[in-house]
Amino acid sequence: MINPINIGSIDDIDEGEAKVIPSDETGTGEDIAVFHAEDGNFYALNDNCTHETASLADGWIEGTEVECPIHAAKFCLKKGTALCMPATQDARTHKVEVSGNDLLLYPNVPAEPVEA
């Protein structure tokens, strides 16, 4: 089992906001964005839009979707699915857990399926 990274308190990320965990902390070679979605849950995706270099953490969160700030591609926070053009490639998901008040990130462990 991969050991999680404690990325802080659940209070560190306001609902509708995201926090970027740098690649040197994730060990994945990629920055990971952890989102606090409007459904109250936390989700993690690679921070880079799959269409063009842009931080998804700088995008807009609506419901359980994030919109890229450059060309308005949208991604499902639950599954990483690219929801509209110009993105055609899904974003990589990572498992996030809440343990008490702590947020735990499991880099390179895919998020567990969430019912829509």
PDB file of N, CA and C in Angstrom:
ATOM      1  N   MET A   1       0.845  -1.185   0.000  1.00  0.00           N
ATOM      2  CA  MET A   1       0.000   0.000   0.000  1.00  0.00           C
ATOM      3  C   MET A   1       0.886   1.243   0.000  1.00  0.00           C
ATOM      4  N   ILE A   2       0.528   2.208  -0.805  1.00  0.00           N
ATOM      5  CA  ILE A   2       1.262   3.464  -0.877  1.00  0.00           C
ATOM      6  C   ILE A   2       0.898   4.322   0.317  1.00  0.00           C
ATOM      7  N   ASN A   3       1.909   4.928   0.928  1.00  0.00           N
ATOM      8  CA  ASN A   3       1.661   5.825   2.054  1.00  0.00           C
ATOM      9  C   ASN A   3       1.125   7.150   1.543  1.00  0.00           C
ATOM     10  N   PRO A   4       0.106   7.676   2.217  1.00  0.00           N
ATOM     11  CA  PRO A   4      -0.455   8.956   1.787  1.00  0.00           C
ATOM     12  C   PRO A   4       0.426  10.123   2.220  1.00  0.00           C
ATOM     13  N   ILE A   5       0.180  11.258   1.581  1.00  0.00           N
ATOM     14  CA  ILE A   5       0.814  12.516   1.954  1.00  0.00           C
ATOM     15  C   ILE A   5      -0.232  13.339   2.693  1.00  0.00           C
ATOM     16  N   ASN A   6       0.091  13.784   3.898  1.00  0.00           N
ATOM     17  CA  ASN A   6      -0.804  14.679   4.623  1.00  0.00           C
ATOM     18  C   ASN A   6      -0.614  16.064   4.013  1.00  0.00           C
ATOM     19  N   ILE A   7      -1.666  16.581   3.371  1.00  0.00           N
ATOM     20  CA  ILE A   7      -1.538  17.865   2.671  1.00  0.00           C
ATOM     21  C   ILE A   7      -2.174  19.014   3.444  1.00  0.00           C
ATOM     22  N   GLY A   8      -2.558  18.753   4.697  1.00  0.00           N
ATOM     23  CA  GLY A   8      -3.091  19.820   5.533  1.00  0.00           C
ATOM     24  C   GLY A   8      -4.486  19.515   6.039  1.00  0.00           C
ATOM     25  N   SER A   9      -5.108  20.555   6.526  1.00  0.00           N
ATOM     26  CA  SER A   9      -6.437  20.449   7.118  1.00  0.00           C
ATOM     27  C   SER A   9      -7.520  20.638   6.067  1.00  0.00           C
ATOM     28  N   ILE A  10      -8.683  20.062   6.323  1.00  0.00           N
ATOM     29  CA  ILE A  10      -9.819  20.284   5.425  1.00  0.00           C
ATOM     30  C   ILE A  10     -10.201  21.760   5.395  1.00  0.00           C
ATOM     31  N   ASP A  11      -9.848  22.496   6.428  1.00  0.00           N
ATOM     32  CA  ASP A  11     -10.155  23.927   6.485  1.00  0.00           C
ATOM     33  C   ASP A  11      -9.209  24.762   5.627  1.00  0.00           C
ATOM     34  N   ASP A  12      -8.149  24.145   5.092  1.00  0.00           N
ATOM     35  CA  ASP A  12      -7.181  24.876   4.271  1.00  0.00           C
ATOM     36  C   ASP A  12      -7.701  25.175   2.867  1.00  0.00           C
ATOM     37  N   ILE A  13      -8.731  24.434   2.424  1.00  0.00           N
ATOM     38  CA  ILE A  13      -9.267  24.627   1.077  1.00  0.00           C
ATOM     39  C   ILE A  13     -10.751  24.954   1.198  1.00  0.00           C
ATOM     40  N   ASP A  14     -11.103  26.187   0.921  1.00  0.00           N
ATOM     41  CA  ASP A  14     -12.506  26.598   0.962  1.00  0.00           C
ATOM     42  C   ASP A  14     -13.287  25.895  -0.132  1.00  0.00           C
ATOM     43  N   GLU A  15     -14.582  25.692   0.106  1.00  0.00           N
ATOM     44  CA  GLU A  15     -15.441  25.105  -0.918  1.00  0.00           C
ATOM     45  C   GLU A  15     -15.384  25.975  -2.165  1.00  0.00           C
ATOM     46  N   GLY A  16     -15.233  25.322  -3.321  1.00  0.00           N
ATOM     47  CA  GLY A  16     -15.124  26.038  -4.587  1.00  0.00           C
ATOM     48  C   GLY A  16     -13.711  26.469  -4.917  1.00  0.00           C
ATOM     49  N   GLU A  17     -12.736  26.025  -4.127  1.00  0.00           N
ATOM     50  CA  GLU A  17     -11.331  26.399  -4.334  1.00  0.00           C
ATOM     51  C   GLU A  17     -10.481  25.140  -4.502  1.00  0.00           C
ATOM     52  N   ALA A  18      -9.204  25.341  -4.823  1.00  0.00           N
ATOM     53  CA  ALA A  18      -8.272  24.232  -5.006  1.00  0.00           C
ATOM     54  C   ALA A  18      -6.913  24.598  -4.412  1.00  0.00           C
ATOM     55  N   LYS A  19      -6.142  23.573  -4.135  1.00  0.00           N
ATOM     56  CA  LYS A  19      -4.781  23.727  -3.613  1.00  0.00           C
ATOM     57  C   LYS A  19      -3.866  22.869  -4.477  1.00  0.00           C
ATOM     58  N   VAL A  20      -2.740  23.431  -4.882  1.00  0.00           N
ATOM     59  CA  VAL A  20      -1.778  22.696  -5.705  1.00  0.00           C
ATOM     60  C   VAL A  20      -0.705  22.085  -4.812  1.00  0.00           C
ATOM     61  N   ILE A  21      -0.481  20.791  -5.000  1.00  0.00           N
ATOM     62  CA  ILE A  21       0.591  20.082  -4.309  1.00  0.00           C
ATOM     63  C   ILE A  21       1.712  19.911  -5.344  1.00  0.00           C
ATOM     64  N   PRO A  22       2.876  20.538  -5.096  1.00  0.00           N
ATOM     65  CA  PRO A  22       3.956  20.521  -6.091  1.00  0.00           C
ATOM     66  C   PRO A  22       4.498  19.120  -6.370  1.00  0.00           C
ATOM     67  N   SER A  23       5.019  18.960  -7.570  1.00  0.00           N
ATOM     68  CA  SER A  23       5.524  17.660  -8.014  1.00  0.00           C
ATOM     69  C   SER A  23       6.622  17.114  -7.117  1.00  0.00           C
ATOM     70  N   ASP A  24       7.421  18.002  -6.506  1.00  0.00           N
ATOM     71  CA  ASP A  24       8.481  17.488  -5.631  1.00  0.00           C
ATOM     72  C   ASP A  24       7.910  16.871  -4.358  1.00  0.00           C
ATOM     73  N   GLU A  25       6.676  17.202  -4.000  1.00  0.00           N
ATOM     74  CA  GLU A  25       6.014  16.570  -2.851  1.00  0.00           C
ATOM     75  C   GLU A  25       5.219  15.332  -3.267  1.00  0.00           C
ATOM     76  N   THR A  26       4.665  15.354  -4.485  1.00  0.00           N
ATOM     77  CA  THR A  26       3.829  14.231  -4.925  1.00  0.00           C
ATOM     78  C   THR A  26       4.661  13.038  -5.369  1.00  0.00           C
ATOM     79  N   GLY A  27       5.882  13.302  -5.860  1.00  0.00           N
ATOM     80  CA  GLY A  27       6.727  12.221  -6.349  1.00  0.00           C
ATOM     81  C   GLY A  27       6.265  11.664  -7.679  1.00  0.00           C
ATOM     82  N   THR A  28       5.342  12.345  -8.342  1.00  0.00           N
ATOM     83  CA  THR A  28       4.786  11.842  -9.600  1.00  0.00           C
ATOM     84  C   THR A  28       5.384  12.521 -10.823  1.00  0.00           C
ATOM     85  N   GLY A  29       6.157  13.595 -10.609  1.00  0.00           N
ATOM     86  CA  GLY A  29       6.644  14.369 -11.737  1.00  0.00           C
ATOM     87  C   GLY A  29       5.611  15.365 -12.232  1.00  0.00           C
ATOM     88  N   GLU A  30       4.464  15.397 -11.591  1.00  0.00           N
ATOM     89  CA  GLU A  30       3.367  16.304 -11.965  1.00  0.00           C
ATOM     90  C   GLU A  30       2.832  16.980 -10.708  1.00  0.00           C
ATOM     91  N   ASP A  31       2.440  18.254 -10.846  1.00  0.00           N
ATOM     92  CA  ASP A  31       1.697  18.898  -9.770  1.00  0.00           C
ATOM     93  C   ASP A  31       0.304  18.278  -9.725  1.00  0.00           C
ATOM     94  N   ILE A  32      -0.249  18.173  -8.528  1.00  0.00           N
ATOM     95  CA  ILE A  32      -1.607  17.643  -8.351  1.00  0.00           C
ATOM     96  C   ILE A  32      -2.442  18.726  -7.693  1.00  0.00           C
ATOM     97  N   ALA A  33      -3.628  18.963  -8.251  1.00  0.00           N
ATOM     98  CA  ALA A  33      -4.572  19.930  -7.681  1.00  0.00           C
ATOM     99  C   ALA A  33      -5.617  19.167  -6.869  1.00  0.00           C
ATOM    100  N   VAL A  34      -5.832  19.621  -5.644  1.00  0.00           N
ATOM    101  CA  VAL A  34      -6.872  19.043  -4.787  1.00  0.00           C
ATOM    102  C   VAL A  34      -7.996  20.072  -4.719  1.00  0.00           C
ATOM    103  N   PHE A  35      -9.184  19.651  -5.128  1.00  0.00           N
ATOM    104  CA  PHE A  35     -10.347  20.524  -5.242  1.00  0.00           C
ATOM    105  C   PHE A  35     -11.341  20.242  -4.127  1.00  0.00           C
ATOM    106  N   HIS A  36     -11.931  21.288  -3.573  1.00  0.00           N
ATOM    107  CA  HIS A  36     -13.038  21.168  -2.623  1.00  0.00           C
ATOM    108  C   HIS A  36     -14.285  21.549  -3.413  1.00  0.00           C
ATOM    109  N   ALA A  37     -14.985  20.531  -3.875  1.00  0.00           N
ATOM    110  CA  ALA A  37     -16.127  20.733  -4.774  1.00  0.00           C
ATOM    111  C   ALA A  37     -17.356  21.223  -4.021  1.00  0.00           C
ATOM    112  N   GLU A  38     -18.316  21.707  -4.793  1.00  0.00           N
ATOM    113  CA  GLU A  38     -19.555  22.228  -4.226  1.00  0.00           C
ATOM    114  C   GLU A  38     -20.407  21.148  -3.569  1.00  0.00           C
ATOM    115  N   ASP A  39     -20.094  19.867  -3.826  1.00  0.00           N
ATOM    116  CA  ASP A  39     -20.821  18.791  -3.139  1.00  0.00           C
ATOM    117  C   ASP A  39     -20.223  18.505  -1.765  1.00  0.00           C
ATOM    118  N   GLY A  40     -19.183  19.287  -1.379  1.00  0.00           N
ATOM    119  CA  GLY A  40     -18.553  19.136  -0.072  1.00  0.00           C
ATOM    120  C   GLY A  40     -17.404  18.152  -0.050  1.00  0.00           C
ATOM    121  N   ASN A  41     -17.209  17.409  -1.128  1.00  0.00           N
ATOM    122  CA  ASN A  41     -16.145  16.408  -1.190  1.00  0.00           C
ATOM    123  C   ASN A  41     -14.864  16.986  -1.776  1.00  0.00           C
ATOM    124  N   PHE A  42     -13.767  16.242  -1.572  1.00  0.00           N
ATOM    125  CA  PHE A  42     -12.458  16.620  -2.090  1.00  0.00           C
ATOM    126  C   PHE A  42     -12.073  15.644  -3.199  1.00  0.00           C
ATOM    127  N   TYR A  43     -11.511  16.197  -4.273  1.00  0.00           N
ATOM    128  CA  TYR A  43     -11.087  15.406  -5.426  1.00  0.00           C
ATOM    129  C   TYR A  43      -9.705  15.880  -5.851  1.00  0.00           C
ATOM    130  N   ALA A  44      -8.938  14.996  -6.492  1.00  0.00           N
ATOM    131  CA  ALA A  44      -7.599  15.370  -6.948  1.00  0.00           C
ATOM    132  C   ALA A  44      -7.399  14.941  -8.396  1.00  0.00           C
ATOM    133  N   LEU A  45      -6.862  15.880  -9.185  1.00  0.00           N
ATOM    134  CA  LEU A  45      -6.510  15.642 -10.586  1.00  0.00           C
ATOM    135  C   LEU A  45      -5.104  16.171 -10.815  1.00  0.00           C
ATOM    136  N   ASN A  46      -4.411  15.630 -11.832  1.00  0.00           N
ATOM    137  CA  ASN A  46      -3.187  16.293 -12.255  1.00  0.00           C
ATOM    138  C   ASN A  46      -3.562  17.736 -12.550  1.00  0.00           C
ATOM    139  N   ASP A  47      -2.725  18.666 -12.146  1.00  0.00           N
ATOM    140  CA  ASP A  47      -3.069  20.084 -12.242  1.00  0.00           C
ATOM    141  C   ASP A  47      -3.039  20.622 -13.665  1.00  0.00           C
ATOM    142  N   ASN A  48      -2.391  19.957 -14.573  1.00  0.00           N
ATOM    143  CA  ASN A  48      -2.239  20.472 -15.925  1.00  0.00           C
ATOM    144  C   ASN A  48      -3.401  20.044 -16.818  1.00  0.00           C
ATOM    145  N   CYS A  49      -4.035  21.013 -17.489  1.00  0.00           N
ATOM    146  CA  CYS A  49      -5.088  20.704 -18.455  1.00  0.00           C
ATOM    147  C   CYS A  49      -4.509  19.793 -19.537  1.00  0.00           C
ATOM    148  N   THR A  50      -5.278  18.819 -19.988  1.00  0.00           N
ATOM    149  CA  THR A  50      -4.789  17.878 -20.996  1.00  0.00           C
ATOM    150  C   THR A  50      -4.816  18.469 -22.403  1.00  0.00           C
ATOM    151  N   HIS A  51      -5.447  19.621 -22.577  1.00  0.00           N
ATOM    152  CA  HIS A  51      -5.493  20.264 -23.894  1.00  0.00           C
ATOM    153  C   HIS A  51      -4.276  21.152 -24.130  1.00  0.00           C
ATOM    154  N   GLU A  52      -3.978  22.003 -23.166  1.00  0.00           N
ATOM    155  CA  GLU A  52      -2.863  22.935 -23.291  1.00  0.00           C
ATOM    156  C   GLU A  52      -2.375  23.270 -21.892  1.00  0.00           C
ATOM    157  N   THR A  53      -1.135  23.667 -21.776  1.00  0.00           N
ATOM    158  CA  THR A  53      -0.562  23.938 -20.469  1.00  0.00           C
ATOM    159  C   THR A  53      -1.313  25.052 -19.753  1.00  0.00           C
ATOM    160  N   ALA A  54      -2.047  24.656 -18.732  1.00  0.00           N
ATOM    161  CA  ALA A  54      -2.783  25.601 -17.883  1.00  0.00           C
ATOM    162  C   ALA A  54      -3.086  24.888 -16.578  1.00  0.00           C
ATOM    163  N   SER A  55      -3.058  25.630 -15.493  1.00  0.00           N
ATOM    164  CA  SER A  55      -3.345  25.058 -14.178  1.00  0.00           C
ATOM    165  C   SER A  55      -4.854  24.924 -13.990  1.00  0.00           C
ATOM    166  N   LEU A  56      -5.313  23.700 -13.789  1.00  0.00           N
ATOM    167  CA  LEU A  56      -6.746  23.494 -13.518  1.00  0.00           C
ATOM    168  C   LEU A  56      -7.145  24.116 -12.187  1.00  0.00           C
ATOM    169  N   ALA A  57      -6.202  24.215 -11.252  1.00  0.00           N
ATOM    170  CA  ALA A  57      -6.499  24.838  -9.957  1.00  0.00           C
ATOM    171  C   ALA A  57      -6.878  26.306 -10.123  1.00  0.00           C
ATOM    172  N   ASP A  58      -6.450  26.929 -11.228  1.00  0.00           N
ATOM    173  CA  ASP A  58      -6.804  28.317 -11.518  1.00  0.00           C
ATOM    174  C   ASP A  58      -8.145  28.431 -12.226  1.00  0.00           C
ATOM    175  N   GLY A  59      -8.762  27.295 -12.506  1.00  0.00           N
ATOM    176  CA  GLY A  59     -10.039  27.280 -13.225  1.00  0.00           C
ATOM    177  C   GLY A  59     -11.215  27.535 -12.300  1.00  0.00           C
ATOM    178  N   TRP A  60     -12.404  27.333 -12.856  1.00  0.00           N
ATOM    179  CA  TRP A  60     -13.645  27.573 -12.126  1.00  0.00           C
ATOM    180  C   TRP A  60     -14.307  26.260 -11.798  1.00  0.00           C
ATOM    181  N   ILE A  61     -14.698  26.111 -10.538  1.00  0.00           N
ATOM    182  CA  ILE A  61     -15.373  24.901 -10.079  1.00  0.00           C
ATOM    183  C   ILE A  61     -16.870  25.175 -10.043  1.00  0.00           C
ATOM    184  N   GLU A  62     -17.615  24.296 -10.682  1.00  0.00           N
ATOM    185  CA  GLU A  62     -19.069  24.373 -10.637  1.00  0.00           C
ATOM    186  C   GLU A  62     -19.592  22.962 -10.407  1.00  0.00           C
ATOM    187  N   GLY A  63     -20.267  22.765  -9.296  1.00  0.00           N
ATOM    188  CA  GLY A  63     -20.725  21.419  -8.952  1.00  0.00           C
ATOM    189  C   GLY A  63     -19.530  20.521  -8.730  1.00  0.00           C
ATOM    190  N   THR A  64     -19.425  19.478  -9.550  1.00  0.00           N
ATOM    191  CA  THR A  64     -18.278  18.567  -9.475  1.00  0.00           C
ATOM    192  C   THR A  64     -17.499  18.592 -10.791  1.00  0.00           C
ATOM    193  N   GLU A  65     -17.426  19.768 -11.402  1.00  0.00           N
ATOM    194  CA  GLU A  65     -16.661  19.965 -12.630  1.00  0.00           C
ATOM    195  C   GLU A  65     -15.708  21.134 -12.440  1.00  0.00           C
ATOM    196  N   VAL A  66     -14.598  21.093 -13.185  1.00  0.00           N
ATOM    197  CA  VAL A  66     -13.675  22.232 -13.205  1.00  0.00           C
ATOM    198  C   VAL A  66     -13.503  22.642 -14.664  1.00  0.00           C
ATOM    199  N   GLU A  67     -13.500  23.960 -14.882  1.00  0.00           N
ATOM    200  CA  GLU A  67     -13.323  24.514 -16.209  1.00  0.00           C
ATOM    201  C   GLU A  67     -11.932  25.119 -16.316  1.00  0.00           C
ATOM    202  N   CYS A  68     -11.196  24.733 -17.344  1.00  0.00           N
ATOM    203  CA  CYS A  68      -9.854  25.261 -17.576  1.00  0.00           C
ATOM    204  C   CYS A  68      -9.929  26.771 -17.819  1.00  0.00           C
ATOM    205  N   PRO A  69      -8.995  27.527 -17.226  1.00  0.00           N
ATOM    206  CA  PRO A  69      -9.035  28.978 -17.376  1.00  0.00           C
ATOM    207  C   PRO A  69      -8.590  29.489 -18.750  1.00  0.00           C
ATOM    208  N   ILE A  70      -8.040  28.640 -19.596  1.00  0.00           N
ATOM    209  CA  ILE A  70      -7.531  29.094 -20.894  1.00  0.00           C
ATOM    210  C   ILE A  70      -8.571  28.946 -22.008  1.00  0.00           C
ATOM    211  N   HIS A  71      -9.027  27.734 -22.276  1.00  0.00           N
ATOM    212  CA  HIS A  71      -9.930  27.500 -23.406  1.00  0.00           C
ATOM    213  C   HIS A  71     -11.257  26.872 -23.011  1.00  0.00           C
ATOM    214  N   ALA A  72     -11.604  26.911 -21.733  1.00  0.00           N
ATOM    215  CA  ALA A  72     -12.914  26.473 -21.230  1.00  0.00           C
ATOM    216  C   ALA A  72     -13.191  24.980 -21.365  1.00  0.00           C
ATOM    217  N   ALA A  73     -12.154  24.158 -21.504  1.00  0.00           N
ATOM    218  CA  ALA A  73     -12.374  22.711 -21.438  1.00  0.00           C
ATOM    219  C   ALA A  73     -12.854  22.383 -20.028  1.00  0.00           C
ATOM    220  N   LYS A  74     -13.743  21.405 -19.906  1.00  0.00           N
ATOM    221  CA  LYS A  74     -14.251  21.021 -18.591  1.00  0.00           C
ATOM    222  C   LYS A  74     -13.898  19.572 -18.301  1.00  0.00           C
ATOM    223  N   PHE A  75     -13.665  19.309 -16.996  1.00  0.00           N
ATOM    224  CA  PHE A  75     -13.330  17.967 -16.540  1.00  0.00           C
ATOM    225  C   PHE A  75     -14.196  17.600 -15.348  1.00  0.00           C
ATOM    226  N   CYS A  76     -14.599  16.336 -15.290  1.00  0.00           N
ATOM    227  CA  CYS A  76     -15.322  15.801 -14.138  1.00  0.00           C
ATOM    228  C   CYS A  76     -14.312  15.587 -13.012  1.00  0.00           C
ATOM    229  N   LEU A  77     -14.571  16.180 -11.851  1.00  0.00           N
ATOM    230  CA  LEU A  77     -13.656  16.018 -10.724  1.00  0.00           C
ATOM    231  C   LEU A  77     -13.692  14.599 -10.168  1.00  0.00           C
ATOM    232  N   LYS A  78     -14.814  13.915 -10.304  1.00  0.00           N
ATOM    233  CA  LYS A  78     -14.949  12.564  -9.761  1.00  0.00           C
ATOM    234  C   LYS A  78     -14.140  11.535 -10.547  1.00  0.00           C
ATOM    235  N   LYS A  79     -14.172  11.648 -11.886  1.00  0.00           N
ATOM    236  CA  LYS A  79     -13.576  10.617 -12.732  1.00  0.00           C
ATOM    237  C   LYS A  79     -12.469  11.128 -13.641  1.00  0.00           C
ATOM    238  N   GLY A  80     -12.282  12.456 -13.713  1.00  0.00           N
ATOM    239  CA  GLY A  80     -11.264  13.024 -14.588  1.00  0.00           C
ATOM    240  C   GLY A  80     -11.679  13.112 -16.046  1.00  0.00           C
ATOM    241  N   THR A  81     -12.893  12.727 -16.359  1.00  0.00           N
ATOM    242  CA  THR A  81     -13.372  12.682 -17.733  1.00  0.00           C
ATOM    243  C   THR A  81     -13.376  14.070 -18.365  1.00  0.00           C
ATOM    244  N   ALA A  82     -12.824  14.156 -19.580  1.00  0.00           N
ATOM    245  CA  ALA A  82     -12.918  15.398 -20.358  1.00  0.00           C
ATOM    246  C   ALA A  82     -14.359  15.509 -20.837  1.00  0.00           C
ATOM    247  N   LEU A  83     -15.017  16.611 -20.490  1.00  0.00           N
ATOM    248  CA  LEU A  83     -16.446  16.761 -20.748  1.00  0.00           C
ATOM    249  C   LEU A  83     -16.785  17.561 -21.996  1.00  0.00           C
ATOM    250  N   CYS A  84     -15.835  18.346 -22.492  1.00  0.00           N
ATOM    251  CA  CYS A  84     -16.118  19.111 -23.708  1.00  0.00           C
ATOM    252  C   CYS A  84     -14.812  19.517 -24.385  1.00  0.00           C
ATOM    253  N   MET A  85     -14.944  19.887 -25.641  1.00  0.00           N
ATOM    254  CA  MET A  85     -13.811  20.368 -26.423  1.00  0.00           C
ATOM    255  C   MET A  85     -13.325  21.684 -25.820  1.00  0.00           C
ATOM    256  N   PRO A  86     -12.088  22.007 -25.937  1.00  0.00           N
ATOM    257  CA  PRO A  86     -11.124  21.371 -26.830  1.00  0.00           C
ATOM    258  C   PRO A  86     -10.394  20.176 -26.214  1.00  0.00           C
ATOM    259  N   ALA A  87     -10.642  19.852 -24.952  1.00  0.00           N
ATOM    260  CA  ALA A  87      -9.968  18.693 -24.341  1.00  0.00           C
ATOM    261  C   ALA A  87     -10.594  17.403 -24.852  1.00  0.00           C
ATOM    262  N   THR A  88      -9.748  16.468 -25.237  1.00  0.00           N
ATOM    263  CA  THR A  88     -10.216  15.157 -25.678  1.00  0.00           C
ATOM    264  C   THR A  88      -9.613  14.038 -24.834  1.00  0.00           C
ATOM    265  N   GLN A  89      -8.633  14.375 -24.011  1.00  0.00           N
ATOM    266  CA  GLN A  89      -7.974  13.392 -23.151  1.00  0.00           C
ATOM    267  C   GLN A  89      -8.395  13.634 -21.703  1.00  0.00           C
ATOM    268  N   ASP A  90      -8.731  12.562 -21.000  1.00  0.00           N
ATOM    269  CA  ASP A  90      -9.124  12.667 -19.601  1.00  0.00           C
ATOM    270  C   ASP A  90      -7.946  13.099 -18.735  1.00  0.00           C
ATOM    271  N   ALA A  91      -8.259  13.716 -17.601  1.00  0.00           N
ATOM    272  CA  ALA A  91      -7.252  14.083 -16.608  1.00  0.00           C
ATOM    273  C   ALA A  91      -7.058  12.906 -15.648  1.00  0.00           C
ATOM    274  N   ARG A  92      -5.865  12.748 -15.163  1.00  0.00           N
ATOM    275  CA  ARG A  92      -5.554  11.658 -14.227  1.00  0.00           C
ATOM    276  C   ARG A  92      -6.073  11.997 -12.835  1.00  0.00           C
ATOM    277  N   THR A  93      -6.773  11.056 -12.224  1.00  0.00           N
ATOM    278  CA  THR A  93      -7.286  11.245 -10.867  1.00  0.00           C
ATOM    279  C   THR A  93      -6.322  10.639  -9.848  1.00  0.00           C
ATOM    280  N   HIS A  94      -6.455  11.103  -8.605  1.00  0.00           N
ATOM    281  CA  HIS A  94      -5.676  10.579  -7.486  1.00  0.00           C
ATOM    282  C   HIS A  94      -6.614  10.470  -6.294  1.00  0.00           C
ATOM    283  N   LYS A  95      -6.398   9.479  -5.482  1.00  0.00           N
ATOM    284  CA  LYS A  95      -7.240   9.243  -4.311  1.00  0.00           C
ATOM    285  C   LYS A  95      -6.988  10.301  -3.234  1.00  0.00           C
ATOM    286  N   VAL A  96      -8.087  10.796  -2.647  1.00  0.00           N
ATOM    287  CA  VAL A  96      -8.033  11.725  -1.524  1.00  0.00           C
ATOM    288  C   VAL A  96      -8.908  11.155  -0.416  1.00  0.00           C
ATOM    289  N   GLU A  97      -8.425  11.224   0.810  1.00  0.00           N
ATOM    290  CA  GLU A  97      -9.199  10.786   1.974  1.00  0.00           C
ATOM    291  C   GLU A  97      -9.237  11.891   3.011  1.00  0.00           C
ATOM    292  N   VAL A  98     -10.338  11.926   3.746  1.00  0.00           N
ATOM    293  CA  VAL A  98     -10.434  12.804   4.906  1.00  0.00           C
ATOM    294  C   VAL A  98     -10.283  11.912   6.132  1.00  0.00           C
ATOM    295  N   SER A  99      -9.324  12.260   6.991  1.00  0.00           N
ATOM    296  CA  SER A  99      -9.098  11.517   8.223  1.00  0.00           C
ATOM    297  C   SER A  99      -9.153  12.513   9.369  1.00  0.00           C
ATOM    298  N   GLY A 100     -10.292  12.566  10.052  1.00  0.00           N
ATOM    299  CA  GLY A 100     -10.493  13.605  11.061  1.00  0.00           C
ATOM    300  C   GLY A 100     -10.576  14.938  10.354  1.00  0.00           C
ATOM    301  N   ASN A 101      -9.629  15.837  10.654  1.00  0.00           N
ATOM    302  CA  ASN A 101      -9.550  17.134   9.961  1.00  0.00           C
ATOM    303  C   ASN A 101      -8.455  17.140   8.903  1.00  0.00           C
ATOM    304  N   ASP A 102      -7.743  16.031   8.739  1.00  0.00           N
ATOM    305  CA  ASP A 102      -6.618  15.979   7.815  1.00  0.00           C
ATOM    306  C   ASP A 102      -7.050  15.512   6.431  1.00  0.00           C
ATOM    307  N   LEU A 103      -6.404  16.100   5.415  1.00  0.00           N
ATOM    308  CA  LEU A 103      -6.569  15.653   4.035  1.00  0.00           C
ATOM    309  C   LEU A 103      -5.364  14.801   3.666  1.00  0.00           C
ATOM    310  N   LEU A 104      -5.635  13.597   3.190  1.00  0.00           N
ATOM    311  CA  LEU A 104      -4.577  12.676   2.793  1.00  0.00           C
ATOM    312  C   LEU A 104      -4.664  12.437   1.297  1.00  0.00           C
ATOM    313  N   LEU A 105      -3.551  12.628   0.608  1.00  0.00           N
ATOM    314  CA  LEU A 105      -3.462  12.432  -0.833  1.00  0.00           C
ATOM    315  C   LEU A 105      -2.632  11.189  -1.113  1.00  0.00           C
ATOM    316  N   TYR A 106      -3.147  10.336  -2.002  1.00  0.00           N
ATOM    317  CA  TYR A 106      -2.456   9.127  -2.436  1.00  0.00           C
ATOM    318  C   TYR A 106      -2.049   9.313  -3.901  1.00  0.00           C
ATOM    319  N   PRO A 107      -0.878   9.910  -4.165  1.00  0.00           N
ATOM    320  CA  PRO A 107      -0.455  10.119  -5.547  1.00  0.00           C
ATOM    321  C   PRO A 107      -0.351   8.803  -6.305  1.00  0.00           C
ATOM    322  N   ASN A 108      -0.806   8.827  -7.538  1.00  0.00           N
ATOM    323  CA  ASN A 108      -0.780   7.676  -8.451  1.00  0.00           C
ATOM    324  C   ASN A 108      -1.713   6.544  -8.056  1.00  0.00           C
ATOM    325  N   VAL A 109      -2.546   6.740  -7.041  1.00  0.00           N
ATOM    326  CA  VAL A 109      -3.602   5.774  -6.734  1.00  0.00           C
ATOM    327  C   VAL A 109      -4.872   6.380  -7.303  1.00  0.00           C
ATOM    328  N   PRO A 110      -5.460   5.742  -8.318  1.00  0.00           N
ATOM    329  CA  PRO A 110      -6.653   6.317  -8.936  1.00  0.00           C
ATOM    330  C   PRO A 110      -7.771   6.523  -7.895  1.00  0.00           C
ATOM    331  N   ALA A 111      -8.528   7.589  -8.102  1.00  0.00           N
ATOM    332  CA  ALA A 111      -9.672   7.843  -7.226  1.00  0.00           C
ATOM    333  C   ALA A 111     -10.643   6.681  -7.348  1.00  0.00           C
ATOM    334  N   GLU A 112     -11.248   6.352  -6.236  1.00  0.00           N
ATOM    335  CA  GLU A 112     -12.228   5.271  -6.241  1.00  0.00           C
ATOM    336  C   GLU A 112     -13.476   5.756  -6.971  1.00  0.00           C
ATOM    337  N   PRO A 113     -14.116   4.857  -7.721  1.00  0.00           N
ATOM    338  CA  PRO A 113     -15.314   5.272  -8.470  1.00  0.00           C
ATOM    339  C   PRO A 113     -16.365   5.877  -7.536  1.00  0.00           C
ATOM    340  N   VAL A 114     -16.956   6.956  -7.990  1.00  0.00           N
ATOM    341  CA  VAL A 114     -17.998   7.647  -7.244  1.00  0.00           C
ATOM    342  C   VAL A 114     -19.253   7.616  -8.096  1.00  0.00           C
ATOM    343  N   GLU A 115     -20.342   7.208  -7.502  1.00  0.00           N
ATOM    344  CA  GLU A 115     -21.603   7.191  -8.236  1.00  0.00           C
ATOM    345  C   GLU A 115     -22.021   8.613  -8.591  1.00  0.00           C
ATOM    346  N   ALA A 116     -22.470   8.791  -9.795  1.00  0.00           N
ATOM    347  CA  ALA A 116     -22.911  10.120 -10.251  1.00  0.00           C
ATOM    348  C   ALA A 116     -24.298  10.441  -9.716  1.00  0.00           C
TER     349      ALA A 116
END
